[in-house]
Amino acid sequence: MDDMRAADVVIGHAGAGTALEVLRERKHFLMVINAELMSNHQKELAIALQNEGYLRYCYTNTLADSIISFDKEFVSKPFPPPKPHLFSNFVDNIFFT
């Protein structure tokens, strides 16, 4: 985590946990998709997050070119803070109101 905090740009795999960690630290993020996966949930997540302006993504076979062309001036949209009570409030409203 200290390495991530010290970094200007983070390059990491396209897992949801990694994405949340990096985005909560408000770092430039180049998310790398593993195209070998059968049901490629990584691709879906990466596309959605890039379309929202949170990060940039690439594939393992385009990583070198993506690093070279990565624009550190790209200003990513701040990722919203977690809302830990959102789900429990939703459940409470269904069952207890």
PDB file of N, CA and C in Angstrom:
ATOM      1  N   MET A   1       0.817  -1.193   0.000  1.00  0.00           N
ATOM      2  CA  MET A   1       0.000   0.000   0.000  1.00  0.00           C
ATOM      3  C   MET A   1       0.863   1.261   0.000  1.00  0.00           C
ATOM      4  N   ASP A   2       2.007   1.246   0.704  1.00  0.00           N
ATOM      5  CA  ASP A   2       2.888   2.414   0.710  1.00  0.00           C
ATOM      6  C   ASP A   2       3.419   2.707  -0.679  1.00  0.00           C
ATOM      7  N   ASP A   3       3.743   1.649  -1.434  1.00  0.00           N
ATOM      8  CA  ASP A   3       4.222   1.842  -2.804  1.00  0.00           C
ATOM      9  C   ASP A   3       3.152   2.523  -3.648  1.00  0.00           C
ATOM     10  N   MET A   4       1.914   2.113  -3.458  1.00  0.00           N
ATOM     11  CA  MET A   4       0.821   2.702  -4.227  1.00  0.00           C
ATOM     12  C   MET A   4       0.648   4.178  -3.867  1.00  0.00           C
ATOM     13  N   ARG A   5       0.721   4.487  -2.599  1.00  0.00           N
ATOM     14  CA  ARG A   5       0.560   5.885  -2.174  1.00  0.00           C
ATOM     15  C   ARG A   5       1.672   6.773  -2.722  1.00  0.00           C
ATOM     16  N   ALA A   6       2.868   6.219  -2.875  1.00  0.00           N
ATOM     17  CA  ALA A   6       4.009   6.988  -3.374  1.00  0.00           C
ATOM     18  C   ALA A   6       4.005   7.123  -4.895  1.00  0.00           C
ATOM     19  N   ALA A   7       3.226   6.301  -5.574  1.00  0.00           N
ATOM     20  CA  ALA A   7       3.242   6.258  -7.040  1.00  0.00           C
ATOM     21  C   ALA A   7       2.416   7.377  -7.662  1.00  0.00           C
ATOM     22  N   ASP A   8       2.846   7.793  -8.852  1.00  0.00           N
ATOM     23  CA  ASP A   8       2.040   8.723  -9.648  1.00  0.00           C
ATOM     24  C   ASP A   8       1.024   7.957 -10.485  1.00  0.00           C
ATOM     25  N   VAL A   9       1.463   6.800 -10.998  1.00  0.00           N
ATOM     26  CA  VAL A   9       0.630   5.953 -11.845  1.00  0.00           C
ATOM     27  C   VAL A   9       0.705   4.537 -11.296  1.00  0.00           C
ATOM     28  N   VAL A  10      -0.435   3.860 -11.235  1.00  0.00           N
ATOM     29  CA  VAL A  10      -0.477   2.465 -10.803  1.00  0.00           C
ATOM     30  C   VAL A  10      -0.899   1.618 -11.991  1.00  0.00           C
ATOM     31  N   ILE A  11      -0.149   0.545 -12.221  1.00  0.00           N
ATOM     32  CA  ILE A  11      -0.486  -0.435 -13.255  1.00  0.00           C
ATOM     33  C   ILE A  11      -0.865  -1.709 -12.517  1.00  0.00           C
ATOM     34  N   GLY A  12      -2.079  -2.204 -12.757  1.00  0.00           N
ATOM     35  CA  GLY A  12      -2.519  -3.376 -12.030  1.00  0.00           C
ATOM     36  C   GLY A  12      -3.525  -4.182 -12.819  1.00  0.00           C
ATOM     37  N   HIS A  13      -3.783  -5.390 -12.324  1.00  0.00           N
ATOM     38  CA  HIS A  13      -4.722  -6.255 -13.034  1.00  0.00           C
ATOM     39  C   HIS A  13      -6.144  -5.754 -12.827  1.00  0.00           C
ATOM     40  N   ALA A  14      -7.037  -6.246 -13.640  1.00  0.00           N
ATOM     41  CA  ALA A  14      -8.390  -5.701 -13.709  1.00  0.00           C
ATOM     42  C   ALA A  14      -9.362  -6.369 -12.747  1.00  0.00           C
ATOM     43  N   GLY A  15      -8.907  -6.723 -11.581  1.00  0.00           N
ATOM     44  CA  GLY A  15      -9.797  -7.273 -10.576  1.00  0.00           C
ATOM     45  C   GLY A  15     -10.523  -6.167  -9.833  1.00  0.00           C
ATOM     46  N   ALA A  16     -11.698  -6.462  -9.340  1.00  0.00           N
ATOM     47  CA  ALA A  16     -12.508  -5.457  -8.648  1.00  0.00           C
ATOM     48  C   ALA A  16     -11.817  -4.952  -7.385  1.00  0.00           C
ATOM     49  N   GLY A  17     -11.191  -5.842  -6.636  1.00  0.00           N
ATOM     50  CA  GLY A  17     -10.502  -5.436  -5.410  1.00  0.00           C
ATOM     51  C   GLY A  17      -9.360  -4.481  -5.686  1.00  0.00           C
ATOM     52  N   THR A  18      -8.568  -4.799  -6.696  1.00  0.00           N
ATOM     53  CA  THR A  18      -7.464  -3.923  -7.081  1.00  0.00           C
ATOM     54  C   THR A  18      -7.999  -2.572  -7.527  1.00  0.00           C
ATOM     55  N   ALA A  19      -9.034  -2.586  -8.341  1.00  0.00           N
ATOM     56  CA  ALA A  19      -9.615  -1.338  -8.836  1.00  0.00           C
ATOM     57  C   ALA A  19     -10.081  -0.455  -7.681  1.00  0.00           C
ATOM     58  N   LEU A  20     -10.787  -1.030  -6.723  1.00  0.00           N
ATOM     59  CA  LEU A  20     -11.277  -0.239  -5.593  1.00  0.00           C
ATOM     60  C   LEU A  20     -10.133   0.344  -4.777  1.00  0.00           C
ATOM     61  N   GLU A  21      -9.097  -0.464  -4.537  1.00  0.00           N
ATOM     62  CA  GLU A  21      -7.938   0.027  -3.782  1.00  0.00           C
ATOM     63  C   GLU A  21      -7.300   1.233  -4.455  1.00  0.00           C
ATOM     64  N   VAL A  22      -7.031   1.089  -5.747  1.00  0.00           N
ATOM     65  CA  VAL A  22      -6.342   2.150  -6.486  1.00  0.00           C
ATOM     66  C   VAL A  22      -7.226   3.388  -6.605  1.00  0.00           C
ATOM     67  N   LEU A  23      -8.480   3.206  -6.943  1.00  0.00           N
ATOM     68  CA  LEU A  23      -9.370   4.347  -7.140  1.00  0.00           C
ATOM     69  C   LEU A  23      -9.634   5.106  -5.842  1.00  0.00           C
ATOM     70  N   ARG A  24      -9.679   4.401  -4.741  1.00  0.00           N
ATOM     71  CA  ARG A  24      -9.867   5.085  -3.452  1.00  0.00           C
ATOM     72  C   ARG A  24      -8.640   5.907  -3.066  1.00  0.00           C
ATOM     73  N   GLU A  25      -7.475   5.520  -3.579  1.00  0.00           N
ATOM     74  CA  GLU A  25      -6.253   6.301  -3.345  1.00  0.00           C
ATOM     75  C   GLU A  25      -6.133   7.471  -4.314  1.00  0.00           C
ATOM     76  N   ARG A  26      -7.064   7.563  -5.270  1.00  0.00           N
ATOM     77  CA  ARG A  26      -7.100   8.646  -6.263  1.00  0.00           C
ATOM     78  C   ARG A  26      -5.805   8.737  -7.070  1.00  0.00           C
ATOM     79  N   LYS A  27      -5.384   7.581  -7.566  1.00  0.00           N
ATOM     80  CA  LYS A  27      -4.183   7.504  -8.394  1.00  0.00           C
ATOM     81  C   LYS A  27      -4.565   7.321  -9.857  1.00  0.00           C
ATOM     82  N   HIS A  28      -3.666   7.762 -10.747  1.00  0.00           N
ATOM     83  CA  HIS A  28      -3.830   7.428 -12.160  1.00  0.00           C
ATOM     84  C   HIS A  28      -3.712   5.913 -12.248  1.00  0.00           C
ATOM     85  N   PHE A  29      -4.633   5.278 -12.967  1.00  0.00           N
ATOM     86  CA  PHE A  29      -4.668   3.810 -12.983  1.00  0.00           C
ATOM     87  C   PHE A  29      -4.734   3.305 -14.408  1.00  0.00           C
ATOM     88  N   LEU A  30      -3.760   2.476 -14.755  1.00  0.00           N
ATOM     89  CA  LEU A  30      -3.784   1.734 -16.015  1.00  0.00           C
ATOM     90  C   LEU A  30      -4.137   0.301 -15.650  1.00  0.00           C
ATOM     91  N   MET A  31      -5.366  -0.084 -15.946  1.00  0.00           N
ATOM     92  CA  MET A  31      -5.896  -1.397 -15.590  1.00  0.00           C
ATOM     93  C   MET A  31      -5.618  -2.373 -16.726  1.00  0.00           C
ATOM     94  N   VAL A  32      -5.016  -3.513 -16.390  1.00  0.00           N
ATOM     95  CA  VAL A  32      -4.602  -4.490 -17.398  1.00  0.00           C
ATOM     96  C   VAL A  32      -5.547  -5.691 -17.374  1.00  0.00           C
ATOM     97  N   ILE A  33      -6.195  -5.924 -18.506  1.00  0.00           N
ATOM     98  CA  ILE A  33      -7.172  -7.011 -18.643  1.00  0.00           C
ATOM     99  C   ILE A  33      -6.484  -8.282 -19.114  1.00  0.00           C
ATOM    100  N   ASN A  34      -6.831  -9.392 -18.487  1.00  0.00           N
ATOM    101  CA  ASN A  34      -6.369 -10.702 -18.932  1.00  0.00           C
ATOM    102  C   ASN A  34      -7.401 -11.240 -19.924  1.00  0.00           C
ATOM    103  N   ALA A  35      -7.083 -11.179 -21.202  1.00  0.00           N
ATOM    104  CA  ALA A  35      -8.024 -11.593 -22.252  1.00  0.00           C
ATOM    105  C   ALA A  35      -8.213 -13.104 -22.311  1.00  0.00           C
ATOM    106  N   GLU A  36      -7.421 -13.853 -21.562  1.00  0.00           N
ATOM    107  CA  GLU A  36      -7.504 -15.316 -21.572  1.00  0.00           C
ATOM    108  C   GLU A  36      -8.687 -15.847 -20.755  1.00  0.00           C
ATOM    109  N   LEU A  37      -9.310 -15.017 -19.969  1.00  0.00           N
ATOM    110  CA  LEU A  37     -10.402 -15.491 -19.118  1.00  0.00           C
ATOM    111  C   LEU A  37     -11.612 -15.892 -19.954  1.00  0.00           C
ATOM    112  N   MET A  38     -12.287 -16.948 -19.531  1.00  0.00           N
ATOM    113  CA  MET A  38     -13.443 -17.463 -20.272  1.00  0.00           C
ATOM    114  C   MET A  38     -14.589 -16.446 -20.271  1.00  0.00           C
ATOM    115  N   SER A  39     -15.086 -16.125 -19.107  1.00  0.00           N
ATOM    116  CA  SER A  39     -16.146 -15.122 -18.974  1.00  0.00           C
ATOM    117  C   SER A  39     -15.452 -13.858 -18.488  1.00  0.00           C
ATOM    118  N   ASN A  40     -15.226 -12.937 -19.399  1.00  0.00           N
ATOM    119  CA  ASN A  40     -14.313 -11.854 -19.073  1.00  0.00           C
ATOM    120  C   ASN A  40     -14.984 -10.697 -18.335  1.00  0.00           C
ATOM    121  N   HIS A  41     -15.195 -10.922 -17.040  1.00  0.00           N
ATOM    122  CA  HIS A  41     -15.751  -9.877 -16.188  1.00  0.00           C
ATOM    123  C   HIS A  41     -14.774  -8.717 -16.023  1.00  0.00           C
ATOM    124  N   GLN A  42     -13.465  -9.000 -16.160  1.00  0.00           N
ATOM    125  CA  GLN A  42     -12.477  -7.928 -16.066  1.00  0.00           C
ATOM    126  C   GLN A  42     -12.701  -6.892 -17.166  1.00  0.00           C
ATOM    127  N   LYS A  43     -12.977  -7.371 -18.361  1.00  0.00           N
ATOM    128  CA  LYS A  43     -13.202  -6.465 -19.488  1.00  0.00           C
ATOM    129  C   LYS A  43     -14.428  -5.592 -19.235  1.00  0.00           C
ATOM    130  N   GLU A  44     -15.507  -6.206 -18.753  1.00  0.00           N
ATOM    131  CA  GLU A  44     -16.731  -5.453 -18.473  1.00  0.00           C
ATOM    132  C   GLU A  44     -16.475  -4.356 -17.444  1.00  0.00           C
ATOM    133  N   LEU A  45     -15.758  -4.705 -16.380  1.00  0.00           N
ATOM    134  CA  LEU A  45     -15.450  -3.737 -15.331  1.00  0.00           C
ATOM    135  C   LEU A  45     -14.570  -2.616 -15.865  1.00  0.00           C
ATOM    136  N   ALA A  46     -13.528  -2.975 -16.600  1.00  0.00           N
ATOM    137  CA  ALA A  46     -12.598  -1.974 -17.133  1.00  0.00           C
ATOM    138  C   ALA A  46     -13.291  -1.008 -18.086  1.00  0.00           C
ATOM    139  N   ILE A  47     -14.114  -1.529 -18.956  1.00  0.00           N
ATOM    140  CA  ILE A  47     -14.826  -0.673 -19.913  1.00  0.00           C
ATOM    141  C   ILE A  47     -15.753   0.290 -19.173  1.00  0.00           C
ATOM    142  N   ALA A  48     -16.492  -0.226 -18.208  1.00  0.00           N
ATOM    143  CA  ALA A  48     -17.422   0.625 -17.454  1.00  0.00           C
ATOM    144  C   ALA A  48     -16.676   1.726 -16.702  1.00  0.00           C
ATOM    145  N   LEU A  49     -15.566   1.374 -16.051  1.00  0.00           N
ATOM    146  CA  LEU A  49     -14.820   2.371 -15.282  1.00  0.00           C
ATOM    147  C   LEU A  49     -14.128   3.391 -16.181  1.00  0.00           C
ATOM    148  N   GLN A  50     -13.653   2.952 -17.347  1.00  0.00           N
ATOM    149  CA  GLN A  50     -13.055   3.910 -18.281  1.00  0.00           C
ATOM    150  C   GLN A  50     -14.129   4.835 -18.855  1.00  0.00           C
ATOM    151  N   ASN A  51     -15.278   4.262 -19.214  1.00  0.00           N
ATOM    152  CA  ASN A  51     -16.367   5.081 -19.759  1.00  0.00           C
ATOM    153  C   ASN A  51     -16.842   6.142 -18.768  1.00  0.00           C
ATOM    154  N   GLU A  52     -16.730   5.839 -17.479  1.00  0.00           N
ATOM    155  CA  GLU A  52     -17.114   6.807 -16.441  1.00  0.00           C
ATOM    156  C   GLU A  52     -16.000   7.810 -16.145  1.00  0.00           C
ATOM    157  N   GLY A  53     -14.810   7.593 -16.722  1.00  0.00           N
ATOM    158  CA  GLY A  53     -13.714   8.541 -16.553  1.00  0.00           C
ATOM    159  C   GLY A  53     -12.819   8.299 -15.356  1.00  0.00           C
ATOM    160  N   TYR A  54     -12.867   7.087 -14.776  1.00  0.00           N
ATOM    161  CA  TYR A  54     -12.076   6.798 -13.587  1.00  0.00           C
ATOM    162  C   TYR A  54     -10.665   6.299 -13.886  1.00  0.00           C
ATOM    163  N   LEU A  55     -10.440   5.708 -15.058  1.00  0.00           N
ATOM    164  CA  LEU A  55      -9.159   5.075 -15.345  1.00  0.00           C
ATOM    165  C   LEU A  55      -8.985   4.872 -16.833  1.00  0.00           C
ATOM    166  N   ARG A  56      -7.849   4.295 -17.200  1.00  0.00           N
ATOM    167  CA  ARG A  56      -7.581   3.830 -18.562  1.00  0.00           C
ATOM    168  C   ARG A  56      -7.278   2.337 -18.470  1.00  0.00           C
ATOM    169  N   TYR A  57      -7.620   1.594 -19.517  1.00  0.00           N
ATOM    170  CA  TYR A  57      -7.329   0.162 -19.499  1.00  0.00           C
ATOM    171  C   TYR A  57      -6.614  -0.259 -20.767  1.00  0.00           C
ATOM    172  N   CYS A  58      -5.999  -1.445 -20.680  1.00  0.00           N
ATOM    173  CA  CYS A  58      -5.347  -2.059 -21.833  1.00  0.00           C
ATOM    174  C   CYS A  58      -5.375  -3.570 -21.629  1.00  0.00           C
ATOM    175  N   TYR A  59      -4.828  -4.289 -22.587  1.00  0.00           N
ATOM    176  CA  TYR A  59      -4.713  -5.746 -22.503  1.00  0.00           C
ATOM    177  C   TYR A  59      -3.249  -6.110 -22.282  1.00  0.00           C
ATOM    178  N   THR A  60      -3.011  -7.340 -21.853  1.00  0.00           N
ATOM    179  CA  THR A  60      -1.632  -7.761 -21.603  1.00  0.00           C
ATOM    180  C   THR A  60      -0.767  -7.610 -22.849  1.00  0.00           C
ATOM    181  N   ASN A  61      -1.334  -7.877 -24.020  1.00  0.00           N
ATOM    182  CA  ASN A  61      -0.535  -7.806 -25.252  1.00  0.00           C
ATOM    183  C   ASN A  61      -0.319  -6.372 -25.743  1.00  0.00           C
ATOM    184  N   THR A  62      -0.990  -5.395 -25.136  1.00  0.00           N
ATOM    185  CA  THR A  62      -0.779  -3.990 -25.520  1.00  0.00           C
ATOM    186  C   THR A  62      -0.189  -3.173 -24.370  1.00  0.00           C
ATOM    187  N   LEU A  63       0.236  -3.857 -23.314  1.00  0.00           N
ATOM    188  CA  LEU A  63       0.707  -3.163 -22.112  1.00  0.00           C
ATOM    189  C   LEU A  63       1.895  -2.240 -22.391  1.00  0.00           C
ATOM    190  N   ALA A  64       2.906  -2.737 -23.086  1.00  0.00           N
ATOM    191  CA  ALA A  64       4.105  -1.916 -23.335  1.00  0.00           C
ATOM    192  C   ALA A  64       3.742  -0.631 -24.076  1.00  0.00           C
ATOM    193  N   ASP A  65       2.962  -0.745 -25.134  1.00  0.00           N
ATOM    194  CA  ASP A  65       2.547   0.444 -25.889  1.00  0.00           C
ATOM    195  C   ASP A  65       1.674   1.369 -25.037  1.00  0.00           C
ATOM    196  N   SER A  66       0.838   0.779 -24.198  1.00  0.00           N
ATOM    197  CA  SER A  66      -0.045   1.583 -23.350  1.00  0.00           C
ATOM    198  C   SER A  66       0.744   2.365 -22.307  1.00  0.00           C
ATOM    199  N   ILE A  67       1.807   1.766 -21.789  1.00  0.00           N
ATOM    200  CA  ILE A  67       2.659   2.476 -20.829  1.00  0.00           C
ATOM    201  C   ILE A  67       3.331   3.663 -21.512  1.00  0.00           C
ATOM    202  N   ILE A  68       3.851   3.430 -22.708  1.00  0.00           N
ATOM    203  CA  ILE A  68       4.537   4.492 -23.448  1.00  0.00           C
ATOM    204  C   ILE A  68       3.589   5.647 -23.756  1.00  0.00           C
ATOM    205  N   SER A  69       2.363   5.314 -24.127  1.00  0.00           N
ATOM    206  CA  SER A  69       1.422   6.360 -24.545  1.00  0.00           C
ATOM    207  C   SER A  69       0.525   6.872 -23.417  1.00  0.00           C
ATOM    208  N   PHE A  70       0.701   6.353 -22.205  1.00  0.00           N
ATOM    209  CA  PHE A  70      -0.168   6.756 -21.094  1.00  0.00           C
ATOM    210  C   PHE A  70      -0.007   8.245 -20.813  1.00  0.00           C
ATOM    211  N   ASP A  71      -1.101   8.940 -20.763  1.00  0.00           N
ATOM    212  CA  ASP A  71      -1.101  10.382 -20.544  1.00  0.00           C
ATOM    213  C   ASP A  71      -1.276  10.674 -19.055  1.00  0.00           C
ATOM    214  N   LYS A  72      -0.179  11.012 -18.383  1.00  0.00           N
ATOM    215  CA  LYS A  72      -0.261  11.313 -16.955  1.00  0.00           C
ATOM    216  C   LYS A  72      -1.038  12.604 -16.693  1.00  0.00           C
ATOM    217  N   GLU A  73      -1.282  13.361 -17.738  1.00  0.00           N
ATOM    218  CA  GLU A  73      -2.064  14.585 -17.586  1.00  0.00           C
ATOM    219  C   GLU A  73      -3.567  14.283 -17.572  1.00  0.00           C
ATOM    220  N   PHE A  74      -3.928  13.032 -17.938  1.00  0.00           N
ATOM    221  CA  PHE A  74      -5.330  12.617 -17.869  1.00  0.00           C
ATOM    222  C   PHE A  74      -5.807  12.802 -16.428  1.00  0.00           C
ATOM    223  N   VAL A  75      -6.852  13.563 -16.262  1.00  0.00           N
ATOM    224  CA  VAL A  75      -7.396  13.800 -14.929  1.00  0.00           C
ATOM    225  C   VAL A  75      -8.593  12.881 -14.756  1.00  0.00           C
ATOM    226  N   SER A  76      -8.404  11.879 -13.927  1.00  0.00           N
ATOM    227  CA  SER A  76      -9.502  10.942 -13.718  1.00  0.00           C
ATOM    228  C   SER A  76     -10.527  11.552 -12.770  1.00  0.00           C
ATOM    229  N   LYS A  77     -11.744  11.139 -12.969  1.00  0.00           N
ATOM    230  CA  LYS A  77     -12.844  11.587 -12.116  1.00  0.00           C
ATOM    231  C   LYS A  77     -12.642  10.985 -10.725  1.00  0.00           C
ATOM    232  N   PRO A  78     -12.816  11.767  -9.658  1.00  0.00           N
ATOM    233  CA  PRO A  78     -12.664  11.203  -8.313  1.00  0.00           C
ATOM    234  C   PRO A  78     -13.683  10.089  -8.069  1.00  0.00           C
ATOM    235  N   PHE A  79     -13.209   8.984  -7.529  1.00  0.00           N
ATOM    236  CA  PHE A  79     -14.076   7.855  -7.230  1.00  0.00           C
ATOM    237  C   PHE A  79     -14.873   8.180  -5.972  1.00  0.00           C
ATOM    238  N   PRO A  80     -16.172   7.913  -5.972  1.00  0.00           N
ATOM    239  CA  PRO A  80     -16.984   8.260  -4.797  1.00  0.00           C
ATOM    240  C   PRO A  80     -16.583   7.443  -3.571  1.00  0.00           C
ATOM    241  N   PRO A  81     -16.735   8.031  -2.390  1.00  0.00           N
ATOM    242  CA  PRO A  81     -16.395   7.294  -1.168  1.00  0.00           C
ATOM    243  C   PRO A  81     -17.381   6.152  -0.938  1.00  0.00           C
ATOM    244  N   PRO A  82     -16.957   5.140  -0.178  1.00  0.00           N
ATOM    245  CA  PRO A  82     -17.865   4.016   0.097  1.00  0.00           C
ATOM    246  C   PRO A  82     -19.060   4.470   0.935  1.00  0.00           C
ATOM    247  N   LYS A  83     -20.158   3.767   0.765  1.00  0.00           N
ATOM    248  CA  LYS A  83     -21.376   4.028   1.542  1.00  0.00           C
ATOM    249  C   LYS A  83     -21.763   2.715   2.221  1.00  0.00           C
ATOM    250  N   PRO A  84     -21.100   2.395   3.333  1.00  0.00           N
ATOM    251  CA  PRO A  84     -21.267   1.065   3.939  1.00  0.00           C
ATOM    252  C   PRO A  84     -22.675   0.749   4.426  1.00  0.00           C
ATOM    253  N   HIS A  85     -23.472   1.758   4.697  1.00  0.00           N
ATOM    254  CA  HIS A  85     -24.809   1.494   5.236  1.00  0.00           C
ATOM    255  C   HIS A  85     -25.890   1.441   4.165  1.00  0.00           C
ATOM    256  N   LEU A  86     -25.522   1.648   2.927  1.00  0.00           N
ATOM    257  CA  LEU A  86     -26.506   1.691   1.849  1.00  0.00           C
ATOM    258  C   LEU A  86     -27.293   0.383   1.742  1.00  0.00           C
ATOM    259  N   PHE A  87     -26.590  -0.756   1.734  1.00  0.00           N
ATOM    260  CA  PHE A  87     -27.270  -2.045   1.591  1.00  0.00           C
ATOM    261  C   PHE A  87     -28.108  -2.365   2.824  1.00  0.00           C
ATOM    262  N   SER A  88     -27.542  -2.155   4.017  1.00  0.00           N
ATOM    263  CA  SER A  88     -28.310  -2.475   5.225  1.00  0.00           C
ATOM    264  C   SER A  88     -29.552  -1.588   5.341  1.00  0.00           C
ATOM    265  N   ASN A  89     -29.450  -0.330   4.939  1.00  0.00           N
ATOM    266  CA  ASN A  89     -30.632   0.542   4.932  1.00  0.00           C
ATOM    267  C   ASN A  89     -31.679   0.045   3.946  1.00  0.00           C
ATOM    268  N   PHE A  90     -31.230  -0.430   2.794  1.00  0.00           N
ATOM    269  CA  PHE A  90     -32.132  -0.979   1.788  1.00  0.00           C
ATOM    270  C   PHE A  90     -32.892  -2.180   2.354  1.00  0.00           C
ATOM    271  N   VAL A  91     -32.171  -3.097   2.994  1.00  0.00           N
ATOM    272  CA  VAL A  91     -32.798  -4.288   3.583  1.00  0.00           C
ATOM    273  C   VAL A  91     -33.751  -3.883   4.701  1.00  0.00           C
ATOM    274  N   ASP A  92     -33.320  -2.970   5.549  1.00  0.00           N
ATOM    275  CA  ASP A  92     -34.191  -2.501   6.634  1.00  0.00           C
ATOM    276  C   ASP A  92     -35.492  -1.921   6.095  1.00  0.00           C
ATOM    277  N   ASN A  93     -35.408  -1.161   5.021  1.00  0.00           N
ATOM    278  CA  ASN A  93     -36.611  -0.558   4.439  1.00  0.00           C
ATOM    279  C   ASN A  93     -37.561  -1.601   3.872  1.00  0.00           C
ATOM    280  N   ILE A  94     -37.028  -2.684   3.365  1.00  0.00           N
ATOM    281  CA  ILE A  94     -37.879  -3.742   2.811  1.00  0.00           C
ATOM    282  C   ILE A  94     -38.577  -4.523   3.918  1.00  0.00           C
ATOM    283  N   PHE A  95     -37.820  -4.905   4.948  1.00  0.00           N
ATOM    284  CA  PHE A  95     -38.359  -5.814   5.952  1.00  0.00           C
ATOM    285  C   PHE A  95     -38.924  -5.139   7.196  1.00  0.00           C
ATOM    286  N   PHE A  96     -38.542  -3.914   7.459  1.00  0.00           N
ATOM    287  CA  PHE A  96     -38.916  -3.313   8.743  1.00  0.00           C
ATOM    288  C   PHE A  96     -39.682  -2.002   8.615  1.00  0.00           C
ATOM    289  N   THR A  97     -40.246  -1.730   7.441  1.00  0.00           N
ATOM    290  CA  THR A  97     -41.071  -0.521   7.322  1.00  0.00           C
ATOM    291  C   THR A  97     -42.447  -0.868   6.814  1.00  0.00           C
TER     292      THR A  97
END
